[in-house]
């Protein structure tokens, strides 16, 4: 059983040519995992894990000349766990966006992340990418990005690679379709099992139906292939070491979510998700059915 609690707050101060937004996010995750005993026979033993992730950040934008926007941001992260190593982290990012014409914008981004896990060596992640976003009026929007990452968290060829994002959106009168394909390096410290850095290949499709003004229905499906690059971190967290090379997972996920706008501020959402995970480490394979409810307050 997994229990997740998320709290976030931000305060935007915007002027004609610039803006600044301090923010804070807190994520609490309680769940049971399993490790293995040492010996000729492998047996699972339950372990209660608790993730407590604090993120304090500051974002800013500046309009430079008529069609350019410069954005910069910083995040300081504190992670506290019962089983996995605690850590602190810093993340800095900067981007430049230019309006090429009324229907298209081009942008370039760069980021640097520094992570300091307790009991192990600190590591860094560098990223950079370029992309375009084009509005194919009246109903289509496409976005494409390509970039490169480098990290000293892992050795060899796995420490560098290409990242990309391709996304298309169709917006009709009562239906919205979003198709996405991406390849990226992901960090897992804010998920149920802190397994270090993971390379992910993901394809997803989302359908949003606005059946009536206060009622929306969303259908989401995704297929994700994950390769876990830090075997030592995974073994420390779970007590399970991958055999025969790196751990690789294939995850198929489907979600249906119903949202009802109770007022201008409040929205009630009910969600059902089915996850089918097939792992090269058999202990991690599972099928789960999850239900959830959320009450969201939006102030503008």
Protein backbone atom coordinates (compact mmCIF):
# COMPACT_ATOMS: atom_id res chain seq x y z
CA UNK A 1 0.00 0.00 0.00
CA UNK A 2 1.28 3.46 -0.94
CA UNK A 3 0.14 6.71 0.68
CA UNK A 4 1.21 9.96 -0.96
CA UNK A 5 0.70 13.47 0.39
CA UNK A 6 1.74 16.54 -1.61
CA UNK A 7 1.72 20.17 -0.52
CA UNK A 8 2.86 23.07 -2.66
CA UNK A 9 2.78 26.84 -2.46
CA UNK A 10 4.06 29.60 -4.73
CA UNK A 11 3.69 33.37 -4.84
CA UNK A 12 4.16 35.07 -8.21
CA UNK A 13 5.05 38.75 -8.46
CA UNK A 14 4.73 39.89 -12.07
CA UNK A 15 5.48 43.23 -13.70
CA UNK A 16 5.36 44.29 -17.35
CA UNK A 17 8.89 43.11 -18.22
CA UNK A 18 9.83 40.70 -15.41
CA UNK A 19 8.47 38.29 -12.83
CA UNK A 20 9.75 36.46 -9.77
CA UNK A 21 8.17 33.45 -8.06
CA UNK A 22 9.34 31.87 -4.79
CA UNK A 23 7.93 28.38 -4.19
CA UNK A 24 7.93 25.48 -1.75
CA UNK A 25 6.89 21.84 -2.23
CA UNK A 26 6.63 18.99 0.28
CA UNK A 27 6.10 15.36 -0.74
CA UNK A 28 5.46 12.57 1.79
CA UNK A 29 5.33 8.94 0.60
CA UNK A 30 4.70 5.99 2.95
CA UNK A 31 4.81 2.46 1.58
CA UNK A 32 5.98 -1.09 2.16
CA UNK A 33 8.71 -2.62 0.03
CA UNK A 34 10.65 -5.88 0.34
CA UNK A 35 14.27 -6.85 0.62
CA UNK A 36 16.04 -10.19 0.54
CA UNK A 37 17.93 -12.09 3.17
CA UNK A 38 21.51 -13.13 2.54
CA UNK A 39 22.03 -16.86 1.98
CA UNK A 40 21.33 -19.66 -0.44
CA UNK A 41 17.59 -19.09 -0.24
CA UNK A 42 16.10 -15.71 -1.19
CA UNK A 43 13.11 -14.65 0.86
CA UNK A 44 11.24 -11.37 0.84
CA UNK A 45 11.01 -9.37 4.06
CA UNK A 46 8.67 -6.37 4.37
CA UNK A 47 10.23 -2.97 4.97
CA UNK A 48 8.33 0.22 5.82
CA UNK A 49 9.82 3.15 3.91
CA UNK A 50 9.00 6.83 4.26
CA UNK A 51 10.10 9.53 1.81
CA UNK A 52 10.08 13.15 2.92
CA UNK A 53 11.13 15.54 0.13
CA UNK A 54 11.39 19.31 0.71
CA UNK A 55 12.00 21.57 -2.31
CA UNK A 56 12.57 25.32 -1.88
CA UNK A 57 12.94 27.26 -5.12
CA UNK A 58 12.96 30.60 -6.88
CA UNK A 59 12.02 31.26 -10.54
CA UNK A 60 12.40 34.48 -12.50
CA UNK A 61 11.76 35.77 -16.03
CA UNK A 62 12.93 38.84 -17.94
CA UNK A 63 11.60 40.14 -21.26
CA UNK A 64 14.64 41.24 -23.27
CA UNK A 65 13.78 43.10 -26.48
CA UNK A 66 10.35 42.61 -28.02
CA UNK A 67 10.45 38.84 -28.70
CA UNK A 68 12.89 37.32 -26.19
CA UNK A 69 12.30 35.92 -22.71
CA UNK A 70 15.15 34.90 -20.40
CA UNK A 71 14.21 32.60 -17.52
CA UNK A 72 16.29 31.30 -14.64
CA UNK A 73 15.54 29.13 -11.63
CA UNK A 74 17.12 27.51 -8.59
CA UNK A 75 15.94 24.66 -6.33
CA UNK A 76 17.34 23.41 -3.04
CA UNK A 77 16.18 19.89 -2.14
CA UNK A 78 16.32 17.99 1.15
CA UNK A 79 15.44 14.28 1.06
CA UNK A 80 14.87 12.23 4.22
CA UNK A 81 14.24 8.45 4.12
CA UNK A 82 13.97 5.54 6.56
CA UNK A 83 15.77 3.02 4.32
CA UNK A 84 17.40 4.84 1.39
CA UNK A 85 20.28 7.28 2.02
CA UNK A 86 19.29 10.85 2.86
CA UNK A 87 20.55 13.53 0.50
CA UNK A 88 20.64 17.23 -0.30
CA UNK A 89 20.60 18.65 -3.79
CA UNK A 90 20.96 21.82 -5.81
CA UNK A 91 19.47 22.50 -9.25
CA UNK A 92 20.08 25.55 -11.43
CA UNK A 93 18.58 26.15 -14.86
CA UNK A 94 18.44 28.90 -17.46
CA UNK A 95 16.54 29.23 -20.73
CA UNK A 96 16.11 31.62 -23.65
CA UNK A 97 12.86 31.69 -25.62
CA UNK A 98 12.35 33.67 -28.83
CA UNK A 99 9.13 34.28 -30.70
CA UNK A 100 10.05 33.53 -34.31
CA UNK A 101 6.59 34.49 -35.59
CA UNK A 102 3.08 34.62 -34.08
CA UNK A 103 2.69 30.83 -34.52
CA UNK A 104 6.16 29.58 -33.54
CA UNK A 105 8.63 29.95 -30.68
CA UNK A 106 12.14 28.56 -30.39
CA UNK A 107 14.02 27.97 -27.15
CA UNK A 108 17.26 26.69 -25.66
CA UNK A 109 17.67 25.45 -22.08
CA UNK A 110 20.55 24.36 -19.87
CA UNK A 111 20.62 22.95 -16.34
CA UNK A 112 23.05 21.70 -13.73
CA UNK A 113 22.12 19.44 -10.79
CA UNK A 114 24.37 18.52 -7.87
CA UNK A 115 23.30 15.69 -5.51
CA UNK A 116 24.97 14.74 -2.21
CA UNK A 117 23.69 11.36 -0.89
CA UNK A 118 24.71 10.40 2.64
CA UNK A 119 27.33 7.66 2.75
CA UNK A 120 28.27 7.80 -0.93
CA UNK A 121 30.00 10.10 -3.40
CA UNK A 122 28.25 13.21 -4.66
CA UNK A 123 27.35 13.34 -8.36
CA UNK A 124 26.39 15.90 -10.98
CA UNK A 125 24.02 15.97 -13.96
CA UNK A 126 24.45 18.42 -16.85
CA UNK A 127 21.74 18.96 -19.47
CA UNK A 128 21.17 21.10 -22.53
CA UNK A 129 18.55 21.09 -25.29
CA UNK A 130 16.94 23.13 -28.06
CA UNK A 131 13.40 22.99 -29.34
CA UNK A 132 10.52 24.56 -31.23
CA UNK A 133 6.84 24.91 -30.47
CA UNK A 134 4.49 25.63 -33.37
CA UNK A 135 0.79 26.43 -33.36
CA UNK A 136 -0.83 24.88 -36.45
CA UNK A 137 -4.02 26.83 -36.20
CA UNK A 138 -6.79 26.43 -35.48
CA UNK A 139 -6.63 23.10 -33.63
CA UNK A 140 -3.13 21.61 -33.73
CA UNK A 141 0.00 22.26 -31.67
CA UNK A 142 3.36 20.47 -32.08
CA UNK A 143 6.50 20.61 -29.95
CA UNK A 144 9.89 19.00 -30.57
CA UNK A 145 13.02 19.11 -28.42
CA UNK A 146 16.40 17.39 -28.63
CA UNK A 147 19.29 17.59 -26.19
CA UNK A 148 22.16 15.87 -24.48
CA UNK A 149 22.90 14.84 -20.89
CA UNK A 150 26.09 13.94 -19.04
CA UNK A 151 26.47 12.61 -15.50
CA UNK A 152 29.25 11.22 -13.34
CA UNK A 153 26.70 9.18 -11.35
CA UNK A 154 27.54 6.20 -13.59
CA UNK A 155 30.62 5.18 -15.53
CA UNK A 156 31.10 4.44 -19.20
CA UNK A 157 28.70 5.04 -22.07
CA UNK A 158 25.66 5.12 -19.75
CA UNK A 159 26.92 8.42 -18.32
CA UNK A 160 26.09 10.36 -21.50
CA UNK A 161 23.30 10.23 -24.04
CA UNK A 162 20.70 11.94 -26.22
CA UNK A 163 17.36 13.12 -24.85
CA UNK A 164 14.33 14.12 -26.89
CA UNK A 165 10.67 15.05 -26.67
CA UNK A 166 8.07 14.95 -29.46
CA UNK A 167 4.51 15.98 -28.64
CA UNK A 168 1.41 16.71 -30.69
CA UNK A 169 -1.88 18.18 -29.43
CA UNK A 170 -5.30 18.34 -31.05
CA UNK A 171 -7.91 20.58 -29.41
CA UNK A 172 -11.50 20.10 -30.55
CA UNK A 173 -14.74 21.54 -29.26
CA UNK A 174 -15.16 18.87 -26.58
CA UNK A 175 -12.14 16.58 -26.96
CA UNK A 176 -8.38 17.09 -26.60
CA UNK A 177 -5.80 14.53 -27.75
CA UNK A 178 -2.15 14.64 -26.60
CA UNK A 179 0.42 12.17 -27.98
CA UNK A 180 3.95 12.12 -26.51
CA UNK A 181 7.19 10.26 -27.16
CA UNK A 182 10.31 10.94 -25.10
CA UNK A 183 13.71 9.64 -24.04
CA UNK A 184 15.34 11.06 -20.91
CA UNK A 185 17.44 10.53 -17.81
CA UNK A 186 15.24 10.50 -14.70
CA UNK A 187 15.97 10.69 -10.97
CA UNK A 188 13.92 8.40 -8.71
CA UNK A 189 14.51 9.87 -5.25
CA UNK A 190 10.95 11.30 -5.12
CA UNK A 191 9.28 7.98 -6.06
CA UNK A 192 8.46 4.97 -3.91
CA UNK A 193 11.81 3.21 -4.50
CA UNK A 194 14.87 5.47 -4.58
CA UNK A 195 16.95 3.64 -7.20
CA UNK A 196 19.21 6.48 -8.33
CA UNK A 197 19.24 7.62 -11.96
CA UNK A 198 17.23 5.76 -14.61
CA UNK A 199 17.19 6.01 -18.41
CA UNK A 200 13.60 6.02 -19.69
CA UNK A 201 11.94 5.60 -23.08
CA UNK A 202 8.25 6.57 -22.90
CA UNK A 203 5.24 6.74 -25.22
CA UNK A 204 1.91 8.12 -23.98
CA UNK A 205 -1.55 9.08 -25.20
CA UNK A 206 -4.06 11.23 -23.32
CA UNK A 207 -7.70 11.94 -24.22
CA UNK A 208 -9.61 14.69 -22.39
CA UNK A 209 -13.37 14.84 -22.78
CA UNK A 210 -15.33 17.93 -21.71
CA UNK A 211 -18.78 16.37 -21.61
CA UNK A 212 -20.41 19.27 -19.79
CA UNK A 213 -19.08 22.63 -18.51
CA UNK A 214 -18.36 21.42 -14.93
CA UNK A 215 -17.47 17.80 -15.82
CA UNK A 216 -14.32 16.46 -17.51
CA UNK A 217 -13.14 12.90 -18.14
CA UNK A 218 -9.49 12.07 -18.87
CA UNK A 219 -8.16 8.78 -20.26
CA UNK A 220 -4.38 8.23 -20.17
CA UNK A 221 -2.22 5.34 -21.32
CA UNK A 222 1.55 4.95 -21.39
CA UNK A 223 4.31 2.45 -22.16
CA UNK A 224 7.68 3.01 -20.44
CA UNK A 225 10.96 1.11 -20.69
CA UNK A 226 13.36 1.88 -17.82
CA UNK A 227 17.02 0.93 -17.41
CA UNK A 228 18.40 1.38 -13.87
CA UNK A 229 21.93 2.76 -14.10
CA UNK A 230 22.93 2.77 -10.40
CA UNK A 231 22.81 -0.85 -9.25
CA UNK A 232 24.47 -0.01 -5.91
CA UNK A 233 21.77 2.53 -5.00
CA UNK A 234 19.00 0.08 -5.90
CA UNK A 235 20.58 -2.69 -3.80
CA UNK A 236 21.04 -0.36 -0.81
CA UNK A 237 17.41 0.76 -0.93
CA UNK A 238 15.77 -2.64 -1.41
CA UNK A 239 18.38 -5.25 -0.42
CA UNK A 240 17.96 -6.79 -3.88
CA UNK A 241 20.80 -6.86 -6.38
CA UNK A 242 20.13 -7.33 -10.10
CA UNK A 243 21.72 -10.39 -11.65
CA UNK A 244 22.71 -10.80 -15.27
CA UNK A 245 23.37 -7.07 -15.81
CA UNK A 246 21.29 -3.96 -15.25
CA UNK A 247 17.73 -4.06 -14.06
CA UNK A 248 15.26 -3.28 -16.84
CA UNK A 249 11.53 -2.65 -16.40
CA UNK A 250 8.64 -2.43 -18.84
CA UNK A 251 5.62 -0.59 -17.44
CA UNK A 252 2.17 -0.36 -19.00
CA UNK A 253 -0.12 2.11 -17.23
CA UNK A 254 -3.74 3.14 -17.80
CA UNK A 255 -5.71 5.81 -15.95
CA UNK A 256 -9.25 7.16 -15.97
CA UNK A 257 -9.90 10.39 -14.09
CA UNK A 258 -13.19 12.24 -13.57
CA UNK A 259 -13.06 15.88 -12.53
CA UNK A 260 -15.98 18.02 -11.37
CA UNK A 261 -15.63 21.76 -10.83
CA UNK A 262 -17.47 22.50 -7.60
CA UNK A 263 -16.88 26.23 -7.83
CA UNK A 264 -14.57 28.76 -9.45
CA UNK A 265 -11.89 27.76 -6.93
CA UNK A 266 -12.51 24.09 -6.03
CA UNK A 267 -12.27 21.00 -8.24
CA UNK A 268 -12.98 17.42 -7.08
CA UNK A 269 -11.20 14.59 -8.91
CA UNK A 270 -11.62 10.80 -8.72
CA UNK A 271 -8.97 8.58 -10.32
CA UNK A 272 -8.43 4.87 -11.08
CA UNK A 273 -5.04 3.60 -12.31
CA UNK A 274 -3.89 0.12 -13.34
CA UNK A 275 -0.14 -0.52 -13.53
CA UNK A 276 1.45 -3.67 -15.00
CA UNK A 277 5.22 -3.77 -14.38
CA UNK A 278 7.42 -6.51 -15.82
CA UNK A 279 10.98 -6.44 -14.45
CA UNK A 280 14.16 -8.35 -15.23
CA UNK A 281 14.45 -8.68 -11.43
CA UNK A 282 11.41 -10.88 -10.79
CA UNK A 283 10.89 -9.59 -7.26
CA UNK A 284 9.85 -6.20 -8.64
CA UNK A 285 7.23 -7.42 -11.15
CA UNK A 286 3.68 -6.63 -10.11
CA UNK A 287 0.18 -5.64 -11.20
CA UNK A 288 -1.55 -2.97 -9.14
CA UNK A 289 -4.92 -1.23 -9.08
CA UNK A 290 -5.02 2.18 -7.45
CA UNK A 291 -7.85 4.57 -6.64
CA UNK A 292 -7.45 8.14 -5.51
CA UNK A 293 -9.35 11.33 -4.78
CA UNK A 294 -8.14 14.92 -4.84
CA UNK A 295 -9.63 18.28 -3.93
CA UNK A 296 -7.77 21.10 -5.67
CA UNK A 297 -8.03 24.80 -4.82
CA UNK A 298 -6.85 27.30 -7.45
CA UNK A 299 -6.48 31.00 -6.74
CA UNK A 300 -5.75 33.42 -9.59
